[in-house]
C-alpha atoms as a PDB file:
ATOM      1  CA  UNK A   1      57.436 149.764  67.135  1.00  0.00           C
ATOM      2  CA  UNK A   2      60.802 148.570  68.264  1.00  0.00           C
ATOM      3  CA  UNK A   3      64.049 148.129  67.023  1.00  0.00           C
ATOM      4  CA  UNK A   4      65.285 144.436  67.516  1.00  0.00           C
ATOM      5  CA  UNK A   5      69.377 143.598  67.213  1.00  0.00           C
ATOM      6  CA  UNK A   6      69.529 140.470  65.030  1.00  0.00           C
ATOM      7  CA  UNK A   7      71.676 137.541  64.135  1.00  0.00           C
ATOM      8  CA  UNK A   8      74.764 139.940  62.537  1.00  0.00           C
ATOM      9  CA  UNK A   9      75.266 140.775  66.357  1.00  0.00           C
ATOM     10  CA  UNK A  10      76.566 137.434  67.889  1.00  0.00           C
ATOM     11  CA  UNK A  11      79.764 137.620  68.816  1.00  0.00           C
ATOM     12  CA  UNK A  12      80.332 141.174  66.944  1.00  0.00           C
ATOM     13  CA  UNK A  13      78.784 143.062  69.957  1.00  0.00           C
ATOM     14  CA  UNK A  14      80.414 146.249  68.287  1.00  0.00           C
ATOM     15  CA  UNK A  15      78.365 148.760  71.045  1.00  0.00           C
ATOM     16  CA  UNK A  16      78.465 151.829  68.798  1.00  0.00           C
ATOM     17  CA  UNK A  17      75.073 151.091  69.265  1.00  0.00           C
ATOM     18  CA  UNK A  18      75.411 152.073  72.715  1.00  0.00           C
ATOM     19  CA  UNK A  19      77.166 154.886  72.473  1.00  0.00           C
ATOM     20  CA  UNK A  20      74.222 156.474  70.532  1.00  0.00           C
ATOM     21  CA  UNK A  21      70.817 155.478  72.257  1.00  0.00           C
ATOM     22  CA  UNK A  22      69.508 158.749  73.659  1.00  0.00           C
ATOM     23  CA  UNK A  23      67.506 156.339  76.132  1.00  0.00           C
ATOM     24  CA  UNK A  24      70.186 153.890  77.263  1.00  0.00           C
ATOM     25  CA  UNK A  25      68.201 151.034  76.135  1.00  0.00           C
ATOM     26  CA  UNK A  26      70.740 148.616  74.551  1.00  0.00           C
ATOM     27  CA  UNK A  27      72.358 146.434  77.043  1.00  0.00           C
ATOM     28  CA  UNK A  28      74.659 144.931  78.198  1.00  0.00           C
ATOM     29  CA  UNK A  29      77.069 147.696  77.656  1.00  0.00           C
ATOM     30  CA  UNK A  30      80.625 146.996  77.610  1.00  0.00           C
ATOM     31  CA  UNK A  31      81.114 148.727  81.055  1.00  0.00           C
ATOM     32  CA  UNK A  32      78.508 146.488  82.505  1.00  0.00           C
ATOM     33  CA  UNK A  33      78.957 143.220  83.964  1.00  0.00           C
ATOM     34  CA  UNK A  34      77.880 140.246  82.206  1.00  0.00           C
ATOM     35  CA  UNK A  35      78.830 142.216  78.499  1.00  0.00           C
ATOM     36  CA  UNK A  36      81.849 139.446  77.815  1.00  0.00           C
ATOM     37  CA  UNK A  37      79.339 136.851  78.571  1.00  0.00           C
ATOM     38  CA  UNK A  38      76.219 137.759  76.724  1.00  0.00           C
ATOM     39  CA  UNK A  39      76.136 136.590  72.995  1.00  0.00           C
ATOM     40  CA  UNK A  40      74.619 139.557  72.103  1.00  0.00           C
ATOM     41  CA  UNK A  41      73.431 143.045  72.433  1.00  0.00           C
ATOM     42  CA  UNK A  42      69.572 143.185  73.313  1.00  0.00           C
ATOM     43  CA  UNK A  43      67.390 146.100  73.030  1.00  0.00           C
ATOM     44  CA  UNK A  44      64.581 146.386  75.678  1.00  0.00           C
ATOM     45  CA  UNK A  45      61.230 146.818  73.654  1.00  0.00           C
ATOM     46  CA  UNK A  46      59.477 148.797  76.524  1.00  0.00           C
ATOM     47  CA  UNK A  47      62.258 151.156  76.675  1.00  0.00           C
ATOM     48  CA  UNK A  48      63.235 152.147  73.024  1.00  0.00           C
ATOM     49  CA  UNK A  49      61.842 155.516  71.635  1.00  0.00           C
ATOM     50  CA  UNK A  50      62.084 154.425  67.703  1.00  0.00           C
ATOM     51  CA  UNK A  51      64.383 156.532  67.278  1.00  0.00           C
ATOM     52  CA  UNK A  52      67.099 154.832  64.626  1.00  0.00           C
ATOM     53  CA  UNK A  53      70.210 156.241  66.195  1.00  0.00           C
ATOM     54  CA  UNK A  54      71.190 152.412  66.660  1.00  0.00           C
ATOM     55  CA  UNK A  55      70.291 151.640  63.062  1.00  0.00           C
ATOM     56  CA  UNK A  56      72.860 154.355  61.555  1.00  0.00           C
ATOM     57  CA  UNK A  57      75.474 153.306  64.301  1.00  0.00           C
ATOM     58  CA  UNK A  58      75.493 149.474  63.657  1.00  0.00           C
ATOM     59  CA  UNK A  59      78.324 148.403  61.690  1.00  0.00           C
ATOM     60  CA  UNK A  60      77.007 144.676  61.102  1.00  0.00           C
ATOM     61  CA  UNK A  61      73.524 145.633  60.044  1.00  0.00           C
ATOM     62  CA  UNK A  62      71.963 144.027  62.848  1.00  0.00           C
ATOM     63  CA  UNK A  63      69.461 146.155  63.912  1.00  0.00           C
ATOM     64  CA  UNK A  64      65.822 146.753  62.370  1.00  0.00           C
ATOM     65  CA  UNK A  65      62.809 147.665  62.659  1.00  0.00           C
ATOM     66  CA  UNK A  66      60.563 145.020  64.214  1.00  0.00           C
ATOM     67  CA  UNK A  67      58.131 144.593  61.868  1.00  0.00           C
ATOM     68  CA  UNK A  68      60.990 144.583  58.761  1.00  0.00           C
ATOM     69  CA  UNK A  69      62.989 141.461  60.936  1.00  0.00           C
ATOM     70  CA  UNK A  70      63.262 139.523  57.702  1.00  0.00           C
ATOM     71  CA  UNK A  71      61.634 135.926  58.333  1.00  0.00           C
ATOM     72  CA  UNK A  72      64.639 133.648  59.215  1.00  0.00           C
ATOM     73  CA  UNK A  73      65.608 136.265  62.041  1.00  0.00           C
ATOM     74  CA  UNK A  74      61.923 136.905  63.708  1.00  0.00           C
ATOM     75  CA  UNK A  75      62.883 134.591  66.652  1.00  0.00           C
ATOM     76  CA  UNK A  76      64.714 137.396  67.612  1.00  0.00           C
ATOM     77  CA  UNK A  77      62.058 139.615  68.820  1.00  0.00           C
ATOM     78  CA  UNK A  78      61.147 137.429  71.450  1.00  0.00           C
ATOM     79  CA  UNK A  79      65.440 137.024  72.294  1.00  0.00           C
ATOM     80  CA  UNK A  80      65.278 140.624  72.661  1.00  0.00           C
ATOM     81  CA  UNK A  81      62.798 141.106  74.796  1.00  0.00           C
ATOM     82  CA  UNK A  82      63.436 137.948  77.138  1.00  0.00           C
ATOM     83  CA  UNK A  83      66.733 139.409  77.748  1.00  0.00           C
ATOM     84  CA  UNK A  84      64.841 142.347  79.590  1.00  0.00           C
ATOM     85  CA  UNK A  85      62.301 139.558  81.583  1.00  0.00           C
ATOM     86  CA  UNK A  86      64.852 137.584  83.154  1.00  0.00           C
ATOM     87  CA  UNK A  87      66.278 138.544  86.405  1.00  0.00           C
ATOM     88  CA  UNK A  88      69.995 139.818  86.053  1.00  0.00           C
END
């Protein structure tokens, strides 16, 4: 299982989650190119270790476990994964 960043992150991009992630699987960070252009932040499903640290850090409750993503946000599972498939 992995965690997914959902719709509440759009336009928010607080980045508190990037600071607490022990495996650096949330991108783009504020220090990375593309941060300003990105609509939201994304969790790499291959790197996520399911530690839950990002969930607690997110001030807008945008992060949920993949198996708990609400029906209206199911598309964000693919959106997060696809971010890491496209060459940057």
